[in-house]
């Protein structure tokens, strides 16, 4: 199929109608050859039919609902510079020329090989991503004018959080952090943030182990609110989940240890059950107010309350109190008063 301009000068020679089916077109003025997939709008332009050096690759058109943008878009990769640009599409699925996001070429070598910085046009943030999963890195956040604003530290990308997606945690200047989904699809230019935040996390804290009576404490623990369901998940410094919690909008909410053995005090001893903690409140900065720490021996459940006292209840009915205990005395003793014949 031949296309001419008004002066009858040949513009292109296509093997099919490029406006209705898949096609391969050679352009007379440049010799460039473009291969187009009609249904998705994806196309690749090479230098000529004899030299297949890629000049431009435009990926499938994306509807707004599947992207971080409010309009339909298409991402194109410059084969020479490695720079990619995401363009807005009009109602006819044609690029309007309005850029939505511009990404630098990926770092070629070194520890950060695969990293790429992306500026979202009209916003105040540059997102730095990485294809490698080895090691954390410092990400420079830059405003739309190109001025560096904030430096944040991002963990290596993992898929071991509760949502099982490829995510990366970036710690903000105030110590809180956000965990965002990343794409590692090889059909686009590189790995990149999808714009979907899945967790918001509080600052790191030190926690004393409830697994045994060793009293071991660990640093770098953090609690994260899963945005999709308002539950809390807690992780240690290696990003291993340590606690799973119920809906925080229903108070009090309860967190259960991921370890199937527990220890909360010398009176109750070690048990082959997980420790549970109840919280009466949580702030916007994810600071929790502890209400009780409990452990069951399968028959009864001992709960250390935040005021220092304790209760012992039936493991099958928390309202059936077996005993109440005073706060621990200066000599380390604790007095419990039994209810009934239990």
C-alpha atoms as a PDB file:
ATOM      1  CA  UNK A   1       0.000   0.000   0.000  1.00  0.00           C
ATOM      2  CA  UNK A   2       1.593   3.256  -1.202  1.00  0.00           C
ATOM      3  CA  UNK A   3       0.953   6.639   0.434  1.00  0.00           C
ATOM      4  CA  UNK A   4       1.692   9.971  -1.350  1.00  0.00           C
ATOM      5  CA  UNK A   5       1.535  13.600  -0.290  1.00  0.00           C
ATOM      6  CA  UNK A   6      -0.317  16.374  -2.175  1.00  0.00           C
ATOM      7  CA  UNK A   7       2.561  16.726  -4.665  1.00  0.00           C
ATOM      8  CA  UNK A   8       2.442  12.988  -5.403  1.00  0.00           C
ATOM      9  CA  UNK A   9       5.727  12.430  -3.621  1.00  0.00           C
ATOM     10  CA  UNK A  10       5.944   8.951  -2.102  1.00  0.00           C
ATOM     11  CA  UNK A  11       5.680   8.986   1.697  1.00  0.00           C
ATOM     12  CA  UNK A  12       5.593   5.314   2.606  1.00  0.00           C
ATOM     13  CA  UNK A  13       5.322   1.817   1.209  1.00  0.00           C
ATOM     14  CA  UNK A  14       3.394  -0.572   3.484  1.00  0.00           C
ATOM     15  CA  UNK A  15       2.650  -4.243   3.084  1.00  0.00           C
ATOM     16  CA  UNK A  16      -0.904  -3.676   4.427  1.00  0.00           C
ATOM     17  CA  UNK A  17      -3.252  -0.917   5.520  1.00  0.00           C
ATOM     18  CA  UNK A  18      -1.515   0.385   8.656  1.00  0.00           C
ATOM     19  CA  UNK A  19      -4.808   1.889   9.913  1.00  0.00           C
ATOM     20  CA  UNK A  20      -6.685  -1.399  10.101  1.00  0.00           C
ATOM     21  CA  UNK A  21      -4.261  -4.360  10.410  1.00  0.00           C
ATOM     22  CA  UNK A  22      -0.724  -5.214  11.434  1.00  0.00           C
ATOM     23  CA  UNK A  23       1.729  -3.738   8.980  1.00  0.00           C
ATOM     24  CA  UNK A  24       5.339  -3.105   7.990  1.00  0.00           C
ATOM     25  CA  UNK A  25       6.004   0.308   6.393  1.00  0.00           C
ATOM     26  CA  UNK A  26       9.150   1.748   4.799  1.00  0.00           C
ATOM     27  CA  UNK A  27       9.372   5.559   4.698  1.00  0.00           C
ATOM     28  CA  UNK A  28      10.837   7.034   1.523  1.00  0.00           C
ATOM     29  CA  UNK A  29      12.456  10.142   3.000  1.00  0.00           C
ATOM     30  CA  UNK A  30      14.497   8.351   5.666  1.00  0.00           C
ATOM     31  CA  UNK A  31      14.488   4.673   4.733  1.00  0.00           C
ATOM     32  CA  UNK A  32      13.221   3.886   8.224  1.00  0.00           C
ATOM     33  CA  UNK A  33      11.087   0.752   8.595  1.00  0.00           C
ATOM     34  CA  UNK A  34       8.253   0.601  11.155  1.00  0.00           C
ATOM     35  CA  UNK A  35       6.546  -2.618  12.248  1.00  0.00           C
ATOM     36  CA  UNK A  36       3.175  -1.986  13.923  1.00  0.00           C
ATOM     37  CA  UNK A  37       0.820  -4.229  15.901  1.00  0.00           C
ATOM     38  CA  UNK A  38      -2.547  -2.679  15.133  1.00  0.00           C
ATOM     39  CA  UNK A  39      -4.613  -3.952  18.090  1.00  0.00           C
ATOM     40  CA  UNK A  40      -2.200  -2.732  20.798  1.00  0.00           C
ATOM     41  CA  UNK A  41      -0.613   0.221  19.002  1.00  0.00           C
ATOM     42  CA  UNK A  42       2.869  -1.091  19.735  1.00  0.00           C
ATOM     43  CA  UNK A  43       5.502  -0.441  17.084  1.00  0.00           C
ATOM     44  CA  UNK A  44       9.243  -0.655  16.458  1.00  0.00           C
ATOM     45  CA  UNK A  45      11.173   1.588  14.078  1.00  0.00           C
ATOM     46  CA  UNK A  46      14.543   0.463  12.689  1.00  0.00           C
ATOM     47  CA  UNK A  47      17.011   2.296  10.472  1.00  0.00           C
ATOM     48  CA  UNK A  48      16.260   0.358   7.285  1.00  0.00           C
ATOM     49  CA  UNK A  49      15.179  -2.956   5.846  1.00  0.00           C
ATOM     50  CA  UNK A  50      18.829  -4.041   5.683  1.00  0.00           C
ATOM     51  CA  UNK A  51      20.044  -2.451   8.924  1.00  0.00           C
ATOM     52  CA  UNK A  52      17.821  -3.344  11.876  1.00  0.00           C
ATOM     53  CA  UNK A  53      19.304  -0.917  14.400  1.00  0.00           C
ATOM     54  CA  UNK A  54      16.357   0.011  16.636  1.00  0.00           C
ATOM     55  CA  UNK A  55      15.625   3.739  16.771  1.00  0.00           C
ATOM     56  CA  UNK A  56      12.338   3.743  18.680  1.00  0.00           C
ATOM     57  CA  UNK A  57      10.203   1.174  20.478  1.00  0.00           C
ATOM     58  CA  UNK A  58       6.703   2.101  21.591  1.00  0.00           C
ATOM     59  CA  UNK A  59       5.001  -0.417  23.853  1.00  0.00           C
ATOM     60  CA  UNK A  60       1.334  -1.385  24.094  1.00  0.00           C
ATOM     61  CA  UNK A  61      -1.143   1.400  24.680  1.00  0.00           C
ATOM     62  CA  UNK A  62      -2.287   1.430  28.336  1.00  0.00           C
ATOM     63  CA  UNK A  63      -5.656   2.470  29.666  1.00  0.00           C
ATOM     64  CA  UNK A  64      -5.625   4.868  32.601  1.00  0.00           C
ATOM     65  CA  UNK A  65      -7.002   2.288  35.050  1.00  0.00           C
ATOM     66  CA  UNK A  66      -3.900   0.128  34.589  1.00  0.00           C
ATOM     67  CA  UNK A  67      -1.377   2.929  35.177  1.00  0.00           C
ATOM     68  CA  UNK A  68      -0.446   5.632  37.646  1.00  0.00           C
ATOM     69  CA  UNK A  69      -2.008   8.274  35.361  1.00  0.00           C
ATOM     70  CA  UNK A  70      -5.559   9.546  34.895  1.00  0.00           C
ATOM     71  CA  UNK A  71      -5.386   9.353  31.083  1.00  0.00           C
ATOM     72  CA  UNK A  72      -4.587   6.622  28.553  1.00  0.00           C
ATOM     73  CA  UNK A  73      -0.909   6.535  27.670  1.00  0.00           C
ATOM     74  CA  UNK A  74       1.891   4.896  25.720  1.00  0.00           C
ATOM     75  CA  UNK A  75       5.549   4.555  26.669  1.00  0.00           C
ATOM     76  CA  UNK A  76       8.248   4.866  24.007  1.00  0.00           C
ATOM     77  CA  UNK A  77      11.937   3.979  24.396  1.00  0.00           C
ATOM     78  CA  UNK A  78      14.597   5.833  22.397  1.00  0.00           C
ATOM     79  CA  UNK A  79      16.914   3.103  21.171  1.00  0.00           C
ATOM     80  CA  UNK A  80      19.864   5.473  20.810  1.00  0.00           C
ATOM     81  CA  UNK A  81      19.817   7.322  24.132  1.00  0.00           C
ATOM     82  CA  UNK A  82      17.967   4.801  26.310  1.00  0.00           C
ATOM     83  CA  UNK A  83      15.610   7.559  27.460  1.00  0.00           C
ATOM     84  CA  UNK A  84      11.934   6.624  27.660  1.00  0.00           C
ATOM     85  CA  UNK A  85       8.924   8.930  27.589  1.00  0.00           C
ATOM     86  CA  UNK A  86       5.317   8.161  28.450  1.00  0.00           C
ATOM     87  CA  UNK A  87       2.879  10.163  26.322  1.00  0.00           C
ATOM     88  CA  UNK A  88      -0.789  10.982  26.764  1.00  0.00           C
ATOM     89  CA  UNK A  89      -3.148   9.470  24.162  1.00  0.00           C
ATOM     90  CA  UNK A  90      -6.193  11.199  22.703  1.00  0.00           C
ATOM     91  CA  UNK A  91      -9.637   9.688  22.069  1.00  0.00           C
ATOM     92  CA  UNK A  92      -8.337   8.176  18.801  1.00  0.00           C
ATOM     93  CA  UNK A  93      -5.413   6.482  20.604  1.00  0.00           C
ATOM     94  CA  UNK A  94      -2.919   8.891  19.020  1.00  0.00           C
ATOM     95  CA  UNK A  95      -0.066  10.440  21.003  1.00  0.00           C
ATOM     96  CA  UNK A  96      -0.889  14.060  21.861  1.00  0.00           C
ATOM     97  CA  UNK A  97       2.750  15.034  22.360  1.00  0.00           C
ATOM     98  CA  UNK A  98       2.120  15.702  26.047  1.00  0.00           C
ATOM     99  CA  UNK A  99       4.718  13.897  28.115  1.00  0.00           C
ATOM    100  CA  UNK A 100       3.572  12.306  31.363  1.00  0.00           C
ATOM    101  CA  UNK A 101       6.829  10.752  32.574  1.00  0.00           C
ATOM    102  CA  UNK A 102      10.442  10.891  31.374  1.00  0.00           C
ATOM    103  CA  UNK A 103      13.002   8.283  32.440  1.00  0.00           C
ATOM    104  CA  UNK A 104      16.763   8.393  32.077  1.00  0.00           C
ATOM    105  CA  UNK A 105      18.704   5.498  30.613  1.00  0.00           C
ATOM    106  CA  UNK A 106      19.374   2.682  33.036  1.00  0.00           C
ATOM    107  CA  UNK A 107      22.767   2.565  34.761  1.00  0.00           C
ATOM    108  CA  UNK A 108      24.876   0.169  32.706  1.00  0.00           C
ATOM    109  CA  UNK A 109      27.419  -1.171  35.203  1.00  0.00           C
ATOM    110  CA  UNK A 110      28.339  -1.305  38.865  1.00  0.00           C
ATOM    111  CA  UNK A 111      26.372  -2.005  42.024  1.00  0.00           C
ATOM    112  CA  UNK A 112      23.376  -0.055  40.788  1.00  0.00           C
ATOM    113  CA  UNK A 113      23.294  -1.543  37.291  1.00  0.00           C
ATOM    114  CA  UNK A 114      19.742  -1.331  36.024  1.00  0.00           C
ATOM    115  CA  UNK A 115      18.776   1.727  38.087  1.00  0.00           C
ATOM    116  CA  UNK A 116      16.772   4.379  36.270  1.00  0.00           C
ATOM    117  CA  UNK A 117      15.483   7.791  37.394  1.00  0.00           C
ATOM    118  CA  UNK A 118      12.023   8.890  36.290  1.00  0.00           C
ATOM    119  CA  UNK A 119      10.546  12.375  36.471  1.00  0.00           C
ATOM    120  CA  UNK A 120       6.760  12.451  36.596  1.00  0.00           C
ATOM    121  CA  UNK A 121       5.840  15.636  34.758  1.00  0.00           C
ATOM    122  CA  UNK A 122       3.915  18.180  36.806  1.00  0.00           C
ATOM    123  CA  UNK A 123       4.728  16.584  40.156  1.00  0.00           C
ATOM    124  CA  UNK A 124       7.488  17.215  42.651  1.00  0.00           C
ATOM    125  CA  UNK A 125       9.155  13.833  42.738  1.00  0.00           C
ATOM    126  CA  UNK A 126      11.686  11.822  40.800  1.00  0.00           C
ATOM    127  CA  UNK A 127      11.342   8.092  41.382  1.00  0.00           C
ATOM    128  CA  UNK A 128      14.556   6.069  41.394  1.00  0.00           C
ATOM    129  CA  UNK A 129      14.110   2.372  40.711  1.00  0.00           C
ATOM    130  CA  UNK A 130      16.362  -0.628  40.359  1.00  0.00           C
ATOM    131  CA  UNK A 131      16.226  -3.938  38.543  1.00  0.00           C
ATOM    132  CA  UNK A 132      18.720  -5.703  40.813  1.00  0.00           C
ATOM    133  CA  UNK A 133      17.515  -7.204  44.076  1.00  0.00           C
ATOM    134  CA  UNK A 134      20.911  -7.116  45.808  1.00  0.00           C
ATOM    135  CA  UNK A 135      21.400  -4.425  48.400  1.00  0.00           C
ATOM    136  CA  UNK A 136      19.745  -1.177  49.369  1.00  0.00           C
ATOM    137  CA  UNK A 137      20.591   2.187  47.845  1.00  0.00           C
ATOM    138  CA  UNK A 138      20.129   5.909  48.384  1.00  0.00           C
ATOM    139  CA  UNK A 139      17.437   7.446  46.201  1.00  0.00           C
ATOM    140  CA  UNK A 140      17.507  11.149  45.372  1.00  0.00           C
ATOM    141  CA  UNK A 141      14.066  12.710  45.242  1.00  0.00           C
ATOM    142  CA  UNK A 142      14.004  15.704  42.902  1.00  0.00           C
ATOM    143  CA  UNK A 143      11.288  18.239  42.155  1.00  0.00           C
ATOM    144  CA  UNK A 144       9.920  19.031  38.705  1.00  0.00           C
ATOM    145  CA  UNK A 145      12.425  21.858  38.200  1.00  0.00           C
ATOM    146  CA  UNK A 146      15.315  19.475  38.684  1.00  0.00           C
ATOM    147  CA  UNK A 147      16.248  20.686  42.172  1.00  0.00           C
ATOM    148  CA  UNK A 148      17.233  17.988  44.658  1.00  0.00           C
ATOM    149  CA  UNK A 149      14.821  18.024  47.577  1.00  0.00           C
ATOM    150  CA  UNK A 150      15.102  14.917  49.743  1.00  0.00           C
ATOM    151  CA  UNK A 151      17.334  11.870  49.945  1.00  0.00           C
ATOM    152  CA  UNK A 152      15.663   8.680  51.118  1.00  0.00           C
ATOM    153  CA  UNK A 153      16.998   5.168  51.661  1.00  0.00           C
ATOM    154  CA  UNK A 154      15.337   2.308  49.825  1.00  0.00           C
ATOM    155  CA  UNK A 155      15.582  -1.398  50.577  1.00  0.00           C
ATOM    156  CA  UNK A 156      16.275  -3.996  47.941  1.00  0.00           C
ATOM    157  CA  UNK A 157      13.238  -5.086  45.977  1.00  0.00           C
ATOM    158  CA  UNK A 158      11.561  -8.215  47.425  1.00  0.00           C
ATOM    159  CA  UNK A 159       8.334 -10.171  47.032  1.00  0.00           C
ATOM    160  CA  UNK A 160       8.154 -11.575  50.572  1.00  0.00           C
ATOM    161  CA  UNK A 161       5.738  -9.077  52.144  1.00  0.00           C
ATOM    162  CA  UNK A 162       2.179 -10.143  52.880  1.00  0.00           C
ATOM    163  CA  UNK A 163       0.829  -9.048  49.511  1.00  0.00           C
ATOM    164  CA  UNK A 164       3.423 -11.272  47.709  1.00  0.00           C
ATOM    165  CA  UNK A 165       4.053  -8.615  45.021  1.00  0.00           C
ATOM    166  CA  UNK A 166       7.384  -7.135  43.905  1.00  0.00           C
ATOM    167  CA  UNK A 167       7.808  -4.187  46.272  1.00  0.00           C
ATOM    168  CA  UNK A 168      10.436  -1.856  47.637  1.00  0.00           C
ATOM    169  CA  UNK A 169      10.440  -0.023  51.010  1.00  0.00           C
ATOM    170  CA  UNK A 170      11.700   3.561  51.007  1.00  0.00           C
ATOM    171  CA  UNK A 171      12.371   5.242  54.355  1.00  0.00           C
ATOM    172  CA  UNK A 172      11.468   8.918  54.575  1.00  0.00           C
ATOM    173  CA  UNK A 173      13.270  11.692  56.431  1.00  0.00           C
ATOM    174  CA  UNK A 174      10.945  11.434  59.461  1.00  0.00           C
ATOM    175  CA  UNK A 175      11.688   7.724  59.901  1.00  0.00           C
ATOM    176  CA  UNK A 176       8.385   6.494  58.494  1.00  0.00           C
ATOM    177  CA  UNK A 177       8.380   4.569  55.243  1.00  0.00           C
ATOM    178  CA  UNK A 178       6.240   3.554  52.300  1.00  0.00           C
ATOM    179  CA  UNK A 179       6.271   0.191  50.537  1.00  0.00           C
ATOM    180  CA  UNK A 180       5.365   0.493  46.860  1.00  0.00           C
ATOM    181  CA  UNK A 181       4.746  -2.074  44.161  1.00  0.00           C
ATOM    182  CA  UNK A 182       7.312  -2.368  41.374  1.00  0.00           C
ATOM    183  CA  UNK A 183       7.130  -3.986  37.972  1.00  0.00           C
ATOM    184  CA  UNK A 184       9.923  -6.249  36.760  1.00  0.00           C
ATOM    185  CA  UNK A 185       8.315  -6.957  33.393  1.00  0.00           C
ATOM    186  CA  UNK A 186      10.906  -7.335  30.641  1.00  0.00           C
ATOM    187  CA  UNK A 187       8.488  -6.014  28.006  1.00  0.00           C
ATOM    188  CA  UNK A 188       9.208  -2.437  29.042  1.00  0.00           C
ATOM    189  CA  UNK A 189      12.394  -0.427  29.383  1.00  0.00           C
ATOM    190  CA  UNK A 190      13.286  -1.505  32.938  1.00  0.00           C
ATOM    191  CA  UNK A 191      11.824  -2.174  36.352  1.00  0.00           C
ATOM    192  CA  UNK A 192       9.784   0.738  37.660  1.00  0.00           C
ATOM    193  CA  UNK A 193       7.394   1.900  40.324  1.00  0.00           C
ATOM    194  CA  UNK A 194       3.734   1.394  39.418  1.00  0.00           C
ATOM    195  CA  UNK A 195       2.487   4.199  41.621  1.00  0.00           C
ATOM    196  CA  UNK A 196       0.660   1.790  43.919  1.00  0.00           C
ATOM    197  CA  UNK A 197       1.606   2.200  47.598  1.00  0.00           C
ATOM    198  CA  UNK A 198       0.675  -0.993  49.430  1.00  0.00           C
ATOM    199  CA  UNK A 199       1.954  -0.307  52.959  1.00  0.00           C
ATOM    200  CA  UNK A 200       2.670   2.711  55.134  1.00  0.00           C
ATOM    201  CA  UNK A 201       5.096   1.987  57.954  1.00  0.00           C
ATOM    202  CA  UNK A 202       6.157   3.577  61.219  1.00  0.00           C
ATOM    203  CA  UNK A 203       9.746   4.232  62.367  1.00  0.00           C
ATOM    204  CA  UNK A 204      11.946   1.301  63.341  1.00  0.00           C
ATOM    205  CA  UNK A 205      11.947   0.172  66.974  1.00  0.00           C
ATOM    206  CA  UNK A 206      13.672  -2.255  69.332  1.00  0.00           C
ATOM    207  CA  UNK A 207      11.724  -5.333  70.409  1.00  0.00           C
ATOM    208  CA  UNK A 208      12.367  -7.901  73.126  1.00  0.00           C
ATOM    209  CA  UNK A 209      11.809 -11.430  71.891  1.00  0.00           C
ATOM    210  CA  UNK A 210       8.681 -13.273  73.071  1.00  0.00           C
ATOM    211  CA  UNK A 211       9.933 -16.609  71.750  1.00  0.00           C
ATOM    212  CA  UNK A 212      11.777 -17.698  74.922  1.00  0.00           C
ATOM    213  CA  UNK A 213      13.125 -16.409  78.237  1.00  0.00           C
ATOM    214  CA  UNK A 214      16.500 -15.288  76.835  1.00  0.00           C
ATOM    215  CA  UNK A 215      15.444 -11.639  76.827  1.00  0.00           C
ATOM    216  CA  UNK A 216      17.065 -11.052  73.458  1.00  0.00           C
ATOM    217  CA  UNK A 217      16.303  -7.667  71.888  1.00  0.00           C
ATOM    218  CA  UNK A 218      16.573  -6.797  68.214  1.00  0.00           C
ATOM    219  CA  UNK A 219      16.762  -3.445  66.449  1.00  0.00           C
ATOM    220  CA  UNK A 220      15.304  -2.430  63.106  1.00  0.00           C
ATOM    221  CA  UNK A 221      11.789  -3.816  63.590  1.00  0.00           C
ATOM    222  CA  UNK A 222       8.943  -1.934  61.911  1.00  0.00           C
ATOM    223  CA  UNK A 223       5.151  -2.102  61.727  1.00  0.00           C
ATOM    224  CA  UNK A 224       3.267  -1.505  58.471  1.00  0.00           C
ATOM    225  CA  UNK A 225      -0.365  -0.734  57.767  1.00  0.00           C
ATOM    226  CA  UNK A 226      -1.604  -2.656  54.724  1.00  0.00           C
ATOM    227  CA  UNK A 227      -3.638  -0.067  52.855  1.00  0.00           C
ATOM    228  CA  UNK A 228      -6.006  -2.546  51.227  1.00  0.00           C
ATOM    229  CA  UNK A 229      -7.489  -3.891  54.463  1.00  0.00           C
ATOM    230  CA  UNK A 230      -6.282  -1.674  57.370  1.00  0.00           C
ATOM    231  CA  UNK A 231      -4.411  -4.529  59.026  1.00  0.00           C
ATOM    232  CA  UNK A 232      -0.939  -4.293  60.557  1.00  0.00           C
ATOM    233  CA  UNK A 233       1.981  -6.519  59.586  1.00  0.00           C
ATOM    234  CA  UNK A 234       5.240  -6.333  61.545  1.00  0.00           C
ATOM    235  CA  UNK A 235       8.692  -7.195  60.240  1.00  0.00           C
ATOM    236  CA  UNK A 236      12.224  -7.515  61.585  1.00  0.00           C
ATOM    237  CA  UNK A 237      15.306  -5.885  60.083  1.00  0.00           C
ATOM    238  CA  UNK A 238      15.651  -8.719  57.534  1.00  0.00           C
ATOM    239  CA  UNK A 239      12.049  -8.031  56.346  1.00  0.00           C
ATOM    240  CA  UNK A 240      10.809 -11.317  57.785  1.00  0.00           C
ATOM    241  CA  UNK A 241       7.236 -11.044  59.075  1.00  0.00           C
ATOM    242  CA  UNK A 242       7.053 -11.378  62.858  1.00  0.00           C
ATOM    243  CA  UNK A 243       3.430 -10.393  63.684  1.00  0.00           C
ATOM    244  CA  UNK A 244       0.087 -10.513  61.854  1.00  0.00           C
ATOM    245  CA  UNK A 245      -2.680  -8.234  63.143  1.00  0.00           C
ATOM    246  CA  UNK A 246      -6.418  -7.827  62.758  1.00  0.00           C
ATOM    247  CA  UNK A 247      -8.305  -4.828  61.339  1.00  0.00           C
ATOM    248  CA  UNK A 248      -7.047  -1.666  63.087  1.00  0.00           C
ATOM    249  CA  UNK A 249     -10.347   0.139  62.532  1.00  0.00           C
ATOM    250  CA  UNK A 250     -11.959  -2.252  65.046  1.00  0.00           C
ATOM    251  CA  UNK A 251     -10.513  -1.546  68.508  1.00  0.00           C
ATOM    252  CA  UNK A 252      -8.942  -3.198  70.287  1.00  0.00           C
ATOM    253  CA  UNK A 253      -7.090  -5.055  67.544  1.00  0.00           C
ATOM    254  CA  UNK A 254      -4.888  -8.093  68.122  1.00  0.00           C
ATOM    255  CA  UNK A 255      -1.470  -9.065  66.796  1.00  0.00           C
ATOM    256  CA  UNK A 256      -0.358 -12.708  66.759  1.00  0.00           C
ATOM    257  CA  UNK A 257       3.275 -13.751  66.658  1.00  0.00           C
ATOM    258  CA  UNK A 258       4.422 -15.691  63.595  1.00  0.00           C
ATOM    259  CA  UNK A 259       6.441 -17.945  65.929  1.00  0.00           C
ATOM    260  CA  UNK A 260       4.502 -20.923  67.302  1.00  0.00           C
ATOM    261  CA  UNK A 261       6.237 -20.853  70.709  1.00  0.00           C
ATOM    262  CA  UNK A 262       6.011 -18.123  73.313  1.00  0.00           C
ATOM    263  CA  UNK A 263       7.187 -16.721  76.626  1.00  0.00           C
ATOM    264  CA  UNK A 264       5.852 -13.644  78.416  1.00  0.00           C
ATOM    265  CA  UNK A 265       6.864 -14.036  82.090  1.00  0.00           C
ATOM    266  CA  UNK A 266       8.521 -16.492  84.520  1.00  0.00           C
ATOM    267  CA  UNK A 267       5.243 -17.350  86.231  1.00  0.00           C
ATOM    268  CA  UNK A 268       3.558 -18.741  83.112  1.00  0.00           C
ATOM    269  CA  UNK A 269       6.730 -20.097  81.552  1.00  0.00           C
ATOM    270  CA  UNK A 270       7.350 -21.160  77.973  1.00  0.00           C
ATOM    271  CA  UNK A 271       4.405 -22.495  75.973  1.00  0.00           C
ATOM    272  CA  UNK A 272       3.986 -24.131  72.586  1.00  0.00           C
ATOM    273  CA  UNK A 273       1.601 -21.406  71.444  1.00  0.00           C
ATOM    274  CA  UNK A 274       2.044 -18.026  69.813  1.00  0.00           C
ATOM    275  CA  UNK A 275       2.007 -14.841  71.879  1.00  0.00           C
ATOM    276  CA  UNK A 276      -0.777 -12.355  71.160  1.00  0.00           C
ATOM    277  CA  UNK A 277      -0.762  -8.617  71.859  1.00  0.00           C
ATOM    278  CA  UNK A 278      -3.835  -6.408  72.061  1.00  0.00           C
ATOM    279  CA  UNK A 279      -3.707  -2.683  71.219  1.00  0.00           C
ATOM    280  CA  UNK A 280      -6.267  -0.089  72.258  1.00  0.00           C
ATOM    281  CA  UNK A 281      -5.255   2.645  69.801  1.00  0.00           C
ATOM    282  CA  UNK A 282      -2.990   3.553  66.868  1.00  0.00           C
ATOM    283  CA  UNK A 283      -1.962   7.035  65.730  1.00  0.00           C
ATOM    284  CA  UNK A 284      -1.618   8.476  62.244  1.00  0.00           C
ATOM    285  CA  UNK A 285       2.151   7.923  62.603  1.00  0.00           C
ATOM    286  CA  UNK A 286       1.487   4.226  63.395  1.00  0.00           C
ATOM    287  CA  UNK A 287       2.382   4.482  67.097  1.00  0.00           C
ATOM    288  CA  UNK A 288       0.461   1.765  68.934  1.00  0.00           C
ATOM    289  CA  UNK A 289      -0.955   1.777  72.473  1.00  0.00           C
ATOM    290  CA  UNK A 290      -0.406  -1.649  74.023  1.00  0.00           C
ATOM    291  CA  UNK A 291      -3.245  -3.004  76.177  1.00  0.00           C
ATOM    292  CA  UNK A 292      -2.185  -6.577  76.952  1.00  0.00           C
ATOM    293  CA  UNK A 293       0.258  -9.374  76.147  1.00  0.00           C
ATOM    294  CA  UNK A 294      -1.221 -12.883  76.304  1.00  0.00           C
ATOM    295  CA  UNK A 295      -0.123 -16.505  76.066  1.00  0.00           C
ATOM    296  CA  UNK A 296      -2.172 -19.712  76.244  1.00  0.00           C
ATOM    297  CA  UNK A 297      -1.228 -23.131  77.647  1.00  0.00           C
ATOM    298  CA  UNK A 298      -4.209 -24.608  75.737  1.00  0.00           C
ATOM    299  CA  UNK A 299      -6.343 -24.656  78.907  1.00  0.00           C
ATOM    300  CA  UNK A 300      -6.001 -21.100  80.203  1.00  0.00           C
ATOM    301  CA  UNK A 301      -4.634 -17.825  78.848  1.00  0.00           C
ATOM    302  CA  UNK A 302      -2.435 -15.511  80.917  1.00  0.00           C
ATOM    303  CA  UNK A 303      -2.598 -11.832  79.966  1.00  0.00           C
ATOM    304  CA  UNK A 304      -0.147  -9.233  81.304  1.00  0.00           C
ATOM    305  CA  UNK A 305      -2.016  -5.930  81.252  1.00  0.00           C
ATOM    306  CA  UNK A 306      -0.393  -2.582  80.553  1.00  0.00           C
ATOM    307  CA  UNK A 307      -0.985  -1.386  84.145  1.00  0.00           C
ATOM    308  CA  UNK A 308       1.215  -4.196  85.462  1.00  0.00           C
ATOM    309  CA  UNK A 309      -1.602  -6.454  86.657  1.00  0.00           C
ATOM    310  CA  UNK A 310      -2.608  -9.730  85.003  1.00  0.00           C
ATOM    311  CA  UNK A 311      -5.601 -11.933  84.354  1.00  0.00           C
ATOM    312  CA  UNK A 312      -5.903 -15.651  83.735  1.00  0.00           C
ATOM    313  CA  UNK A 313      -8.914 -16.709  81.680  1.00  0.00           C
ATOM    314  CA  UNK A 314     -10.242 -19.797  79.965  1.00  0.00           C
ATOM    315  CA  UNK A 315      -8.562 -20.298  76.582  1.00  0.00           C
ATOM    316  CA  UNK A 316     -11.950 -21.004  75.043  1.00  0.00           C
ATOM    317  CA  UNK A 317     -13.796 -18.096  76.685  1.00  0.00           C
ATOM    318  CA  UNK A 318     -11.866 -14.898  77.416  1.00  0.00           C
ATOM    319  CA  UNK A 319     -14.710 -13.618  79.607  1.00  0.00           C
ATOM    320  CA  UNK A 320     -14.396 -16.629  81.943  1.00  0.00           C
ATOM    321  CA  UNK A 321     -11.767 -15.240  84.342  1.00  0.00           C
ATOM    322  CA  UNK A 322      -9.937 -17.918  86.316  1.00  0.00           C
ATOM    323  CA  UNK A 323      -7.744 -15.571  88.364  1.00  0.00           C
ATOM    324  CA  UNK A 324      -6.673 -11.952  88.717  1.00  0.00           C
ATOM    325  CA  UNK A 325      -3.134 -10.949  89.649  1.00  0.00           C
ATOM    326  CA  UNK A 326      -1.631  -7.862  91.238  1.00  0.00           C
ATOM    327  CA  UNK A 327       1.285  -5.990  89.737  1.00  0.00           C
ATOM    328  CA  UNK A 328       4.714  -7.529  90.253  1.00  0.00           C
ATOM    329  CA  UNK A 329       6.128  -6.527  93.635  1.00  0.00           C
ATOM    330  CA  UNK A 330       9.570  -5.051  94.252  1.00  0.00           C
ATOM    331  CA  UNK A 331      10.895  -8.477  95.215  1.00  0.00           C
ATOM    332  CA  UNK A 332       9.675  -9.951  91.899  1.00  0.00           C
ATOM    333  CA  UNK A 333       6.701 -11.781  93.365  1.00  0.00           C
ATOM    334  CA  UNK A 334       3.150 -11.567  92.038  1.00  0.00           C
ATOM    335  CA  UNK A 335      -0.035 -12.450  93.890  1.00  0.00           C
ATOM    336  CA  UNK A 336      -2.926 -14.066  92.028  1.00  0.00           C
ATOM    337  CA  UNK A 337      -6.412 -14.533  93.455  1.00  0.00           C
ATOM    338  CA  UNK A 338      -8.253 -17.560  92.112  1.00  0.00           C
ATOM    339  CA  UNK A 339     -11.946 -17.347  91.179  1.00  0.00           C
ATOM    340  CA  UNK A 340     -14.082 -20.335  92.129  1.00  0.00           C
ATOM    341  CA  UNK A 341     -12.413 -23.745  92.235  1.00  0.00           C
ATOM    342  CA  UNK A 342     -10.104 -23.168  89.252  1.00  0.00           C
END
